[in-house]
Amino acid sequence: MPDCLAMRPPRPRVALLALLAAVLAAPPAALAETPHLVRVDAARVLRPLRHFWRSTGFCPPLPHNQADQYDLSWDQQLNLAYIGAVLMVALSRSGHIGCWTSSQSGR
């Protein structure tokens, strides 16, 4: 077989996109997990809650007394869609979840 016809291994980005397409094409039942019941007793404190989260960009700009205008804005919808679409592992590795604004999306 000539070298020009030899198959090359897929590049990592192509393989990742193929995996993402396969996951998105899977029927919803295949992705479902067994439901769990969680009970929370908030009446008493067991131990301090250590800080385990990073900034999500969810904090509205000043003035905070008009936060509802930001929370319902297109920019915030993009923020939430971005956070929901990206794996938390990738976000924690980068160390930052930035705010995505309409100026970045070209809107």
PDB file of N, CA and C in Angstrom:
ATOM      1  N   MET A   1       0.855  -1.183   0.000  1.00  0.00           N
ATOM      2  CA  MET A   1       0.000   0.000   0.000  1.00  0.00           C
ATOM      3  C   MET A   1       0.898   1.242   0.000  1.00  0.00           C
ATOM      4  N   PRO A   2       0.639   2.210  -0.866  1.00  0.00           N
ATOM      5  CA  PRO A   2       1.447   3.428  -0.887  1.00  0.00           C
ATOM      6  C   PRO A   2       1.307   4.194   0.425  1.00  0.00           C
ATOM      7  N   ASP A   3       2.362   4.921   0.772  1.00  0.00           N
ATOM      8  CA  ASP A   3       2.350   5.694   2.017  1.00  0.00           C
ATOM      9  C   ASP A   3       1.232   6.728   2.047  1.00  0.00           C
ATOM     10  N   CYS A   4       0.883   7.269   0.895  1.00  0.00           N
ATOM     11  CA  CYS A   4      -0.150   8.305   0.868  1.00  0.00           C
ATOM     12  C   CYS A   4      -1.524   7.752   1.233  1.00  0.00           C
ATOM     13  N   LEU A   5      -1.722   6.432   1.108  1.00  0.00           N
ATOM     14  CA  LEU A   5      -3.011   5.836   1.442  1.00  0.00           C
ATOM     15  C   LEU A   5      -3.035   5.231   2.840  1.00  0.00           C
ATOM     16  N   ALA A   6      -1.894   5.225   3.507  1.00  0.00           N
ATOM     17  CA  ALA A   6      -1.841   4.661   4.860  1.00  0.00           C
ATOM     18  C   ALA A   6      -2.690   5.514   5.796  1.00  0.00           C
ATOM     19  N   MET A   7      -3.394   4.850   6.681  1.00  0.00           N
ATOM     20  CA  MET A   7      -4.254   5.578   7.627  1.00  0.00           C
ATOM     21  C   MET A   7      -3.407   6.139   8.755  1.00  0.00           C
ATOM     22  N   ARG A   8      -3.657   7.377   9.065  1.00  0.00           N
ATOM     23  CA  ARG A   8      -2.993   8.001  10.199  1.00  0.00           C
ATOM     24  C   ARG A   8      -3.893   7.872  11.415  1.00  0.00           C
ATOM     25  N   PRO A   9      -3.326   7.788  12.606  1.00  0.00           N
ATOM     26  CA  PRO A   9      -4.182   7.761  13.797  1.00  0.00           C
ATOM     27  C   PRO A   9      -4.897   9.100  13.937  1.00  0.00           C
ATOM     28  N   PRO A  10      -6.122   9.092  14.459  1.00  0.00           N
ATOM     29  CA  PRO A  10      -6.847  10.354  14.597  1.00  0.00           C
ATOM     30  C   PRO A  10      -6.154  11.280  15.587  1.00  0.00           C
ATOM     31  N   ARG A  11      -6.217  12.545  15.301  1.00  0.00           N
ATOM     32  CA  ARG A  11      -5.649  13.526  16.218  1.00  0.00           C
ATOM     33  C   ARG A  11      -6.519  13.581  17.464  1.00  0.00           C
ATOM     34  N   PRO A  12      -5.950  13.959  18.616  1.00  0.00           N
ATOM     35  CA  PRO A  12      -6.727  13.977  19.863  1.00  0.00           C
ATOM     36  C   PRO A  12      -7.991  14.820  19.771  1.00  0.00           C
ATOM     37  N   ARG A  13      -7.930  15.956  19.103  1.00  0.00           N
ATOM     38  CA  ARG A  13      -9.098  16.830  19.022  1.00  0.00           C
ATOM     39  C   ARG A  13     -10.217  16.168  18.225  1.00  0.00           C
ATOM     40  N   VAL A  14      -9.846  15.498  17.138  1.00  0.00           N
ATOM     41  CA  VAL A  14     -10.830  14.801  16.310  1.00  0.00           C
ATOM     42  C   VAL A  14     -11.450  13.654  17.102  1.00  0.00           C
ATOM     43  N   ALA A  15     -10.620  12.921  17.838  1.00  0.00           N
ATOM     44  CA  ALA A  15     -11.129  11.810  18.646  1.00  0.00           C
ATOM     45  C   ALA A  15     -12.070  12.320  19.728  1.00  0.00           C
ATOM     46  N   LEU A  16     -11.737  13.445  20.339  1.00  0.00           N
ATOM     47  CA  LEU A  16     -12.596  14.019  21.374  1.00  0.00           C
ATOM     48  C   LEU A  16     -13.932  14.467  20.790  1.00  0.00           C
ATOM     49  N   LEU A  17     -13.904  15.070  19.614  1.00  0.00           N
ATOM     50  CA  LEU A  17     -15.147  15.484  18.966  1.00  0.00           C
ATOM     51  C   LEU A  17     -15.996  14.275  18.583  1.00  0.00           C
ATOM     52  N   ALA A  18     -15.358  13.200  18.140  1.00  0.00           N
ATOM     53  CA  ALA A  18     -16.097  11.982  17.806  1.00  0.00           C
ATOM     54  C   ALA A  18     -16.742  11.387  19.049  1.00  0.00           C
ATOM     55  N   LEU A  19     -16.023  11.403  20.168  1.00  0.00           N
ATOM     56  CA  LEU A  19     -16.578  10.901  21.426  1.00  0.00           C
ATOM     57  C   LEU A  19     -17.752  11.760  21.870  1.00  0.00           C
ATOM     58  N   LEU A  20     -17.611  13.074  21.781  1.00  0.00           N
ATOM     59  CA  LEU A  20     -18.697  13.981  22.149  1.00  0.00           C
ATOM     60  C   LEU A  20     -19.921  13.740  21.270  1.00  0.00           C
ATOM     61  N   ALA A  21     -19.724  13.557  19.981  1.00  0.00           N
ATOM     62  CA  ALA A  21     -20.849  13.292  19.077  1.00  0.00           C
ATOM     63  C   ALA A  21     -21.539  11.982  19.437  1.00  0.00           C
ATOM     64  N   ALA A  22     -20.765  10.965  19.805  1.00  0.00           N
ATOM     65  CA  ALA A  22     -21.356   9.679  20.184  1.00  0.00           C
ATOM     66  C   ALA A  22     -22.171   9.805  21.462  1.00  0.00           C
ATOM     67  N   VAL A  23     -21.664  10.574  22.427  1.00  0.00           N
ATOM     68  CA  VAL A  23     -22.397  10.763  23.688  1.00  0.00           C
ATOM     69  C   VAL A  23     -23.686  11.528  23.438  1.00  0.00           C
ATOM     70  N   LEU A  24     -23.623  12.570  22.611  1.00  0.00           N
ATOM     71  CA  LEU A  24     -24.817  13.366  22.333  1.00  0.00           C
ATOM     72  C   LEU A  24     -25.835  12.584  21.508  1.00  0.00           C
ATOM     73  N   ALA A  25     -25.376  11.645  20.699  1.00  0.00           N
ATOM     74  CA  ALA A  25     -26.287  10.855  19.871  1.00  0.00           C
ATOM     75  C   ALA A  25     -26.904   9.684  20.633  1.00  0.00           C
ATOM     76  N   ALA A  26     -26.358   9.374  21.802  1.00  0.00           N
ATOM     77  CA  ALA A  26     -26.878   8.241  22.581  1.00  0.00           C
ATOM     78  C   ALA A  26     -28.290   8.546  23.061  1.00  0.00           C
ATOM     79  N   PRO A  27     -29.141   7.532  23.126  1.00  0.00           N
ATOM     80  CA  PRO A  27     -30.497   7.761  23.639  1.00  0.00           C
ATOM     81  C   PRO A  27     -30.446   8.188  25.104  1.00  0.00           C
ATOM     82  N   PRO A  28     -31.372   9.059  25.525  1.00  0.00           N
ATOM     83  CA  PRO A  28     -31.351   9.568  26.900  1.00  0.00           C
ATOM     84  C   PRO A  28     -31.369   8.465  27.952  1.00  0.00           C
ATOM     85  N   ALA A  29     -32.046   7.360  27.684  1.00  0.00           N
ATOM     86  CA  ALA A  29     -32.116   6.275  28.673  1.00  0.00           C
ATOM     87  C   ALA A  29     -30.739   5.685  28.929  1.00  0.00           C
ATOM     88  N   ALA A  30     -29.878   5.695  27.925  1.00  0.00           N
ATOM     89  CA  ALA A  30     -28.545   5.127  28.101  1.00  0.00           C
ATOM     90  C   ALA A  30     -27.691   5.990  29.017  1.00  0.00           C
ATOM     91  N   LEU A  31     -27.996   7.277  29.094  1.00  0.00           N
ATOM     92  CA  LEU A  31     -27.221   8.187  29.921  1.00  0.00           C
ATOM     93  C   LEU A  31     -27.786   8.326  31.328  1.00  0.00           C
ATOM     94  N   ALA A  32     -28.977   7.835  31.552  1.00  0.00           N
ATOM     95  CA  ALA A  32     -29.623   8.012  32.850  1.00  0.00           C
ATOM     96  C   ALA A  32     -28.962   7.131  33.902  1.00  0.00           C
ATOM     97  N   GLU A  33     -28.953   7.637  35.125  1.00  0.00           N
ATOM     98  CA  GLU A  33     -28.425   6.884  36.247  1.00  0.00           C
ATOM     99  C   GLU A  33     -29.567   6.543  37.185  1.00  0.00           C
ATOM    100  N   THR A  34     -29.304   5.645  38.086  1.00  0.00           N
ATOM    101  CA  THR A  34     -30.288   5.297  39.094  1.00  0.00           C
ATOM    102  C   THR A  34     -30.484   6.493  40.015  1.00  0.00           C
ATOM    103  N   PRO A  35     -31.728   6.882  40.284  1.00  0.00           N
ATOM    104  CA  PRO A  35     -31.946   8.028  41.172  1.00  0.00           C
ATOM    105  C   PRO A  35     -31.525   7.696  42.601  1.00  0.00           C
ATOM    106  N   HIS A  36     -31.107   8.717  43.312  1.00  0.00           N
ATOM    107  CA  HIS A  36     -30.686   8.571  44.700  1.00  0.00           C
ATOM    108  C   HIS A  36     -31.526   9.491  45.570  1.00  0.00           C
ATOM    109  N   LEU A  37     -31.779   9.066  46.780  1.00  0.00           N
ATOM    110  CA  LEU A  37     -32.489   9.883  47.751  1.00  0.00           C
ATOM    111  C   LEU A  37     -31.466  10.468  48.708  1.00  0.00           C
ATOM    112  N   VAL A  38     -31.485  11.782  48.868  1.00  0.00           N
ATOM    113  CA  VAL A  38     -30.566  12.463  49.771  1.00  0.00           C
ATOM    114  C   VAL A  38     -31.389  13.187  50.817  1.00  0.00           C
ATOM    115  N   ARG A  39     -31.098  12.925  52.073  1.00  0.00           N
ATOM    116  CA  ARG A  39     -31.781  13.618  53.168  1.00  0.00           C
ATOM    117  C   ARG A  39     -30.791  14.546  53.842  1.00  0.00           C
ATOM    118  N   VAL A  40     -31.230  15.766  54.086  1.00  0.00           N
ATOM    119  CA  VAL A  40     -30.381  16.770  54.717  1.00  0.00           C
ATOM    120  C   VAL A  40     -31.063  17.257  55.977  1.00  0.00           C
ATOM    121  N   ASP A  41     -30.336  17.198  57.098  1.00  0.00           N
ATOM    122  CA  ASP A  41     -30.828  17.746  58.356  1.00  0.00           C
ATOM    123  C   ASP A  41     -30.093  19.057  58.583  1.00  0.00           C
ATOM    124  N   ALA A  42     -30.727  20.164  58.211  1.00  0.00           N
ATOM    125  CA  ALA A  42     -30.094  21.471  58.335  1.00  0.00           C
ATOM    126  C   ALA A  42     -30.332  22.103  59.700  1.00  0.00           C
ATOM    127  N   ALA A  43     -30.939  21.369  60.619  1.00  0.00           N
ATOM    128  CA  ALA A  43     -31.236  21.912  61.944  1.00  0.00           C
ATOM    129  C   ALA A  43     -29.997  21.986  62.823  1.00  0.00           C
ATOM    130  N   ARG A  44     -28.978  21.181  62.524  1.00  0.00           N
ATOM    131  CA  ARG A  44     -27.783  21.214  63.367  1.00  0.00           C
ATOM    132  C   ARG A  44     -26.533  21.194  62.489  1.00  0.00           C
ATOM    133  N   VAL A  45     -25.476  21.779  63.031  1.00  0.00           N
ATOM    134  CA  VAL A  45     -24.207  21.864  62.317  1.00  0.00           C
ATOM    135  C   VAL A  45     -23.338  20.678  62.718  1.00  0.00           C
ATOM    136  N   LEU A  46     -22.858  19.935  61.757  1.00  0.00           N
ATOM    137  CA  LEU A  46     -21.965  18.816  62.045  1.00  0.00           C
ATOM    138  C   LEU A  46     -20.504  19.238  62.041  1.00  0.00           C
ATOM    139  N   ARG A  47     -20.129  20.066  61.075  1.00  0.00           N
ATOM    140  CA  ARG A  47     -18.751  20.544  60.959  1.00  0.00           C
ATOM    141  C   ARG A  47     -18.750  21.744  60.010  1.00  0.00           C
ATOM    142  N   PRO A  48     -17.685  22.516  60.018  1.00  0.00           N
ATOM    143  CA  PRO A  48     -17.627  23.677  59.118  1.00  0.00           C
ATOM    144  C   PRO A  48     -17.610  23.244  57.649  1.00  0.00           C
ATOM    145  N   LEU A  49     -18.172  24.064  56.804  1.00  0.00           N
ATOM    146  CA  LEU A  49     -18.172  23.815  55.365  1.00  0.00           C
ATOM    147  C   LEU A  49     -16.931  24.478  54.772  1.00  0.00           C
ATOM    148  N   ARG A  50     -15.979  23.643  54.351  1.00  0.00           N
ATOM    149  CA  ARG A  50     -14.754  24.175  53.760  1.00  0.00           C
ATOM    150  C   ARG A  50     -15.046  24.696  52.354  1.00  0.00           C
ATOM    151  N   HIS A  51     -14.313  25.705  51.964  1.00  0.00           N
ATOM    152  CA  HIS A  51     -14.455  26.296  50.630  1.00  0.00           C
ATOM    153  C   HIS A  51     -13.933  25.288  49.600  1.00  0.00           C
ATOM    154  N   PHE A  52     -14.793  24.786  48.733  1.00  0.00           N
ATOM    155  CA  PHE A  52     -14.381  23.804  47.726  1.00  0.00           C
ATOM    156  C   PHE A  52     -14.684  24.265  46.307  1.00  0.00           C
ATOM    157  N   TRP A  53     -15.304  25.410  46.141  1.00  0.00           N
ATOM    158  CA  TRP A  53     -15.712  25.856  44.818  1.00  0.00           C
ATOM    159  C   TRP A  53     -14.814  26.995  44.352  1.00  0.00           C
ATOM    160  N   ARG A  54     -14.910  27.269  43.083  1.00  0.00           N
ATOM    161  CA  ARG A  54     -14.182  28.387  42.481  1.00  0.00           C
ATOM    162  C   ARG A  54     -15.205  29.369  41.925  1.00  0.00           C
ATOM    163  N   SER A  55     -14.734  30.516  41.528  1.00  0.00           N
ATOM    164  CA  SER A  55     -15.620  31.526  40.967  1.00  0.00           C
ATOM    165  C   SER A  55     -16.255  31.006  39.687  1.00  0.00           C
ATOM    166  N   THR A  56     -17.544  31.240  39.550  1.00  0.00           N
ATOM    167  CA  THR A  56     -18.252  30.810  38.345  1.00  0.00           C
ATOM    168  C   THR A  56     -18.634  31.983  37.454  1.00  0.00           C
ATOM    169  N   GLY A  57     -18.326  33.198  37.883  1.00  0.00           N
ATOM    170  CA  GLY A  57     -18.745  34.352  37.114  1.00  0.00           C
ATOM    171  C   GLY A  57     -20.211  34.676  37.315  1.00  0.00           C
ATOM    172  N   PHE A  58     -20.839  34.050  38.318  1.00  0.00           N
ATOM    173  CA  PHE A  58     -22.266  34.250  38.542  1.00  0.00           C
ATOM    174  C   PHE A  58     -22.556  35.541  39.293  1.00  0.00           C
ATOM    175  N   CYS A  59     -21.549  36.137  39.922  1.00  0.00           N
ATOM    176  CA  CYS A  59     -21.763  37.363  40.686  1.00  0.00           C
ATOM    177  C   CYS A  59     -22.125  38.501  39.724  1.00  0.00           C
ATOM    178  N   PRO A  60     -23.252  39.160  39.959  1.00  0.00           N
ATOM    179  CA  PRO A  60     -23.657  40.238  39.051  1.00  0.00           C
ATOM    180  C   PRO A  60     -22.782  41.469  39.236  1.00  0.00           C
ATOM    181  N   PRO A  61     -22.696  42.305  38.209  1.00  0.00           N
ATOM    182  CA  PRO A  61     -21.937  43.545  38.347  1.00  0.00           C
ATOM    183  C   PRO A  61     -22.654  44.507  39.284  1.00  0.00           C
ATOM    184  N   LEU A  62     -21.944  45.509  39.720  1.00  0.00           N
ATOM    185  CA  LEU A  62     -22.542  46.529  40.592  1.00  0.00           C
ATOM    186  C   LEU A  62     -23.535  47.353  39.799  1.00  0.00           C
ATOM    187  N   PRO A  63     -24.588  47.872  40.359  1.00  0.00           N
ATOM    188  CA  PRO A  63     -25.022  47.730  41.753  1.00  0.00           C
ATOM    189  C   PRO A  63     -25.743  46.395  41.968  1.00  0.00           C
ATOM    190  N   HIS A  64     -25.446  45.754  43.088  1.00  0.00           N
ATOM    191  CA  HIS A  64     -26.020  44.439  43.377  1.00  0.00           C
ATOM    192  C   HIS A  64     -27.521  44.489  43.641  1.00  0.00           C
ATOM    193  N   ASN A  65     -28.064  45.659  43.931  1.00  0.00           N
ATOM    194  CA  ASN A  65     -29.514  45.733  44.171  1.00  0.00           C
ATOM    195  C   ASN A  65     -30.315  45.620  42.873  1.00  0.00           C
ATOM    196  N   GLN A  66     -29.627  45.580  41.727  1.00  0.00           N
ATOM    197  CA  GLN A  66     -30.291  45.366  40.436  1.00  0.00           C
ATOM    198  C   GLN A  66     -29.843  44.039  39.819  1.00  0.00           C
ATOM    199  N   ALA A  67     -29.535  43.071  40.682  1.00  0.00           N
ATOM    200  CA  ALA A  67     -29.010  41.782  40.221  1.00  0.00           C
ATOM    201  C   ALA A  67     -29.997  41.049  39.326  1.00  0.00           C
ATOM    202  N   ASP A  68     -31.287  41.274  39.533  1.00  0.00           N
ATOM    203  CA  ASP A  68     -32.281  40.565  38.718  1.00  0.00           C
ATOM    204  C   ASP A  68     -32.132  40.901  37.238  1.00  0.00           C
ATOM    205  N   GLN A  69     -31.742  42.130  36.936  1.00  0.00           N
ATOM    206  CA  GLN A  69     -31.569  42.515  35.534  1.00  0.00           C
ATOM    207  C   GLN A  69     -30.424  41.730  34.896  1.00  0.00           C
ATOM    208  N   TYR A  70     -29.374  41.485  35.673  1.00  0.00           N
ATOM    209  CA  TYR A  70     -28.244  40.709  35.160  1.00  0.00           C
ATOM    210  C   TYR A  70     -28.584  39.222  35.102  1.00  0.00           C
ATOM    211  N   ASP A  71     -29.242  38.719  36.139  1.00  0.00           N
ATOM    212  CA  ASP A  71     -29.556  37.286  36.200  1.00  0.00           C
ATOM    213  C   ASP A  71     -30.442  36.841  35.044  1.00  0.00           C
ATOM    214  N   LEU A  72     -31.263  37.743  34.522  1.00  0.00           N
ATOM    215  CA  LEU A  72     -32.172  37.407  33.429  1.00  0.00           C
ATOM    216  C   LEU A  72     -31.628  37.830  32.063  1.00  0.00           C
ATOM    217  N   SER A  73     -30.397  38.343  32.028  1.00  0.00           N
ATOM    218  CA  SER A  73     -29.841  38.873  30.785  1.00  0.00           C
ATOM    219  C   SER A  73     -29.300  37.762  29.883  1.00  0.00           C
ATOM    220  N   TRP A  74     -29.079  38.119  28.625  1.00  0.00           N
ATOM    221  CA  TRP A  74     -28.515  37.183  27.657  1.00  0.00           C
ATOM    222  C   TRP A  74     -27.107  36.764  28.079  1.00  0.00           C
ATOM    223  N   ASP A  75     -26.315  37.709  28.615  1.00  0.00           N
ATOM    224  CA  ASP A  75     -24.962  37.379  29.057  1.00  0.00           C
ATOM    225  C   ASP A  75     -24.977  36.287  30.118  1.00  0.00           C
ATOM    226  N   GLN A  76     -25.902  36.391  31.057  1.00  0.00           N
ATOM    227  CA  GLN A  76     -25.960  35.387  32.118  1.00  0.00           C
ATOM    228  C   GLN A  76     -26.465  34.046  31.580  1.00  0.00           C
ATOM    229  N   GLN A  77     -27.355  34.065  30.620  1.00  0.00           N
ATOM    230  CA  GLN A  77     -27.790  32.812  29.998  1.00  0.00           C
ATOM    231  C   GLN A  77     -26.602  32.114  29.331  1.00  0.00           C
ATOM    232  N   LEU A  78     -25.735  32.895  28.691  1.00  0.00           N
ATOM    233  CA  LEU A  78     -24.530  32.324  28.086  1.00  0.00           C
ATOM    234  C   LEU A  78     -23.597  31.769  29.156  1.00  0.00           C
ATOM    235  N   ASN A  79     -23.436  32.509  30.278  1.00  0.00           N
ATOM    236  CA  ASN A  79     -22.602  32.021  31.379  1.00  0.00           C
ATOM    237  C   ASN A  79     -23.082  30.662  31.851  1.00  0.00           C
ATOM    238  N   LEU A  80     -24.375  30.541  32.103  1.00  0.00           N
ATOM    239  CA  LEU A  80     -24.925  29.295  32.632  1.00  0.00           C
ATOM    240  C   LEU A  80     -24.827  28.166  31.609  1.00  0.00           C
ATOM    241  N   ALA A  81     -25.040  28.487  30.336  1.00  0.00           N
ATOM    242  CA  ALA A  81     -24.904  27.463  29.297  1.00  0.00           C
ATOM    243  C   ALA A  81     -23.458  26.984  29.208  1.00  0.00           C
ATOM    244  N   TYR A  82     -22.522  27.917  29.321  1.00  0.00           N
ATOM    245  CA  TYR A  82     -21.104  27.560  29.256  1.00  0.00           C
ATOM    246  C   TYR A  82     -20.716  26.677  30.439  1.00  0.00           C
ATOM    247  N   ILE A  83     -21.115  27.076  31.625  1.00  0.00           N
ATOM    248  CA  ILE A  83     -20.785  26.301  32.823  1.00  0.00           C
ATOM    249  C   ILE A  83     -21.408  24.916  32.745  1.00  0.00           C
ATOM    250  N   GLY A  84     -22.639  24.839  32.259  1.00  0.00           N
ATOM    251  CA  GLY A  84     -23.304  23.550  32.161  1.00  0.00           C
ATOM    252  C   GLY A  84     -22.743  22.655  31.075  1.00  0.00           C
ATOM    253  N   ALA A  85     -22.092  23.236  30.081  1.00  0.00           N
ATOM    254  CA  ALA A  85     -21.612  22.451  28.949  1.00  0.00           C
ATOM    255  C   ALA A  85     -20.190  21.929  29.126  1.00  0.00           C
ATOM    256  N   VAL A  86     -19.439  22.537  30.009  1.00  0.00           N
ATOM    257  CA  VAL A  86     -18.031  22.177  30.161  1.00  0.00           C
ATOM    258  C   VAL A  86     -17.865  21.275  31.373  1.00  0.00           C
ATOM    259  N   LEU A  87     -17.080  20.248  31.226  1.00  0.00           N
ATOM    260  CA  LEU A  87     -16.841  19.338  32.343  1.00  0.00           C
ATOM    261  C   LEU A  87     -16.168  20.071  33.499  1.00  0.00           C
ATOM    262  N   MET A  88     -16.615  19.804  34.718  1.00  0.00           N
ATOM    263  CA  MET A  88     -16.035  20.459  35.885  1.00  0.00           C
ATOM    264  C   MET A  88     -14.559  20.103  36.048  1.00  0.00           C
ATOM    265  N   VAL A  89     -14.156  18.921  35.602  1.00  0.00           N
ATOM    266  CA  VAL A  89     -12.746  18.549  35.691  1.00  0.00           C
ATOM    267  C   VAL A  89     -11.905  19.522  34.874  1.00  0.00           C
ATOM    268  N   ALA A  90     -12.367  19.826  33.675  1.00  0.00           N
ATOM    269  CA  ALA A  90     -11.628  20.749  32.818  1.00  0.00           C
ATOM    270  C   ALA A  90     -11.593  22.132  33.436  1.00  0.00           C
ATOM    271  N   LEU A  91     -12.694  22.547  34.053  1.00  0.00           N
ATOM    272  CA  LEU A  91     -12.733  23.867  34.662  1.00  0.00           C
ATOM    273  C   LEU A  91     -11.808  23.940  35.862  1.00  0.00           C
ATOM    274  N   SER A  92     -11.781  22.903  36.684  1.00  0.00           N
ATOM    275  CA  SER A  92     -10.936  22.950  37.866  1.00  0.00           C
ATOM    276  C   SER A  92      -9.463  22.860  37.483  1.00  0.00           C
ATOM    277  N   ARG A  93      -9.148  22.188  36.364  1.00  0.00           N
ATOM    278  CA  ARG A  93      -7.756  22.144  35.911  1.00  0.00           C
ATOM    279  C   ARG A  93      -7.297  23.512  35.443  1.00  0.00           C
ATOM    280  N   SER A  94      -8.180  24.249  34.795  1.00  0.00           N
ATOM    281  CA  SER A  94      -7.792  25.570  34.311  1.00  0.00           C
ATOM    282  C   SER A  94      -7.704  26.567  35.450  1.00  0.00           C
ATOM    283  N   GLY A  95      -8.417  26.291  36.548  1.00  0.00           N
ATOM    284  CA  GLY A  95      -8.371  27.178  37.698  1.00  0.00           C
ATOM    285  C   GLY A  95      -9.233  28.410  37.552  1.00  0.00           C
ATOM    286  N   HIS A  96      -9.993  28.513  36.467  1.00  0.00           N
ATOM    287  CA  HIS A  96     -10.794  29.720  36.272  1.00  0.00           C
ATOM    288  C   HIS A  96     -12.003  29.402  35.407  1.00  0.00           C
ATOM    289  N   ILE A  97     -13.117  29.935  35.818  1.00  0.00           N
ATOM    290  CA  ILE A  97     -14.320  29.901  34.992  1.00  0.00           C
ATOM    291  C   ILE A  97     -14.660  31.363  34.736  1.00  0.00           C
ATOM    292  N   GLY A  98     -14.388  31.847  33.564  1.00  0.00           N
ATOM    293  CA  GLY A  98     -14.597  33.254  33.287  1.00  0.00           C
ATOM    294  C   GLY A  98     -16.019  33.570  32.887  1.00  0.00           C
ATOM    295  N   CYS A  99     -16.334  34.837  32.926  1.00  0.00           N
ATOM    296  CA  CYS A  99     -17.645  35.288  32.462  1.00  0.00           C
ATOM    297  C   CYS A  99     -17.623  35.330  30.936  1.00  0.00           C
ATOM    298  N   TRP A 100     -18.641  34.813  30.321  1.00  0.00           N
ATOM    299  CA  TRP A 100     -18.789  34.836  28.872  1.00  0.00           C
ATOM    300  C   TRP A 100     -19.806  35.908  28.564  1.00  0.00           C
ATOM    301  N   THR A 101     -19.438  36.915  27.807  1.00  0.00           N
ATOM    302  CA  THR A 101     -20.340  38.022  27.539  1.00  0.00           C
ATOM    303  C   THR A 101     -20.727  38.041  26.074  1.00  0.00           C
ATOM    304  N   SER A 102     -21.775  38.793  25.774  1.00  0.00           N
ATOM    305  CA  SER A 102     -22.250  38.853  24.395  1.00  0.00           C
ATOM    306  C   SER A 102     -21.209  39.478  23.476  1.00  0.00           C
ATOM    307  N   SER A 103     -20.310  40.306  24.012  1.00  0.00           N
ATOM    308  CA  SER A 103     -19.272  40.881  23.167  1.00  0.00           C
ATOM    309  C   SER A 103     -18.304  39.798  22.698  1.00  0.00           C
ATOM    310  N   GLN A 104     -18.134  38.722  23.508  1.00  0.00           N
ATOM    311  CA  GLN A 104     -17.265  37.627  23.102  1.00  0.00           C
ATOM    312  C   GLN A 104     -17.960  36.711  22.109  1.00  0.00           C
ATOM    313  N   SER A 105     -19.274  36.648  22.168  1.00  0.00           N
ATOM    314  CA  SER A 105     -19.996  35.732  21.294  1.00  0.00           C
ATOM    315  C   SER A 105     -20.300  36.345  19.935  1.00  0.00           C
ATOM    316  N   GLY A 106     -19.992  37.628  19.763  1.00  0.00           N
ATOM    317  CA  GLY A 106     -20.248  38.284  18.496  1.00  0.00           C
ATOM    318  C   GLY A 106     -21.676  38.743  18.338  1.00  0.00           C
ATOM    319  N   ARG A 107     -22.421  38.730  19.407  1.00  0.00           N
ATOM    320  CA  ARG A 107     -23.819  39.131  19.361  1.00  0.00           C
ATOM    321  C   ARG A 107     -23.962  40.618  19.526  1.00  0.00           C
TER     322      ARG A 107
END
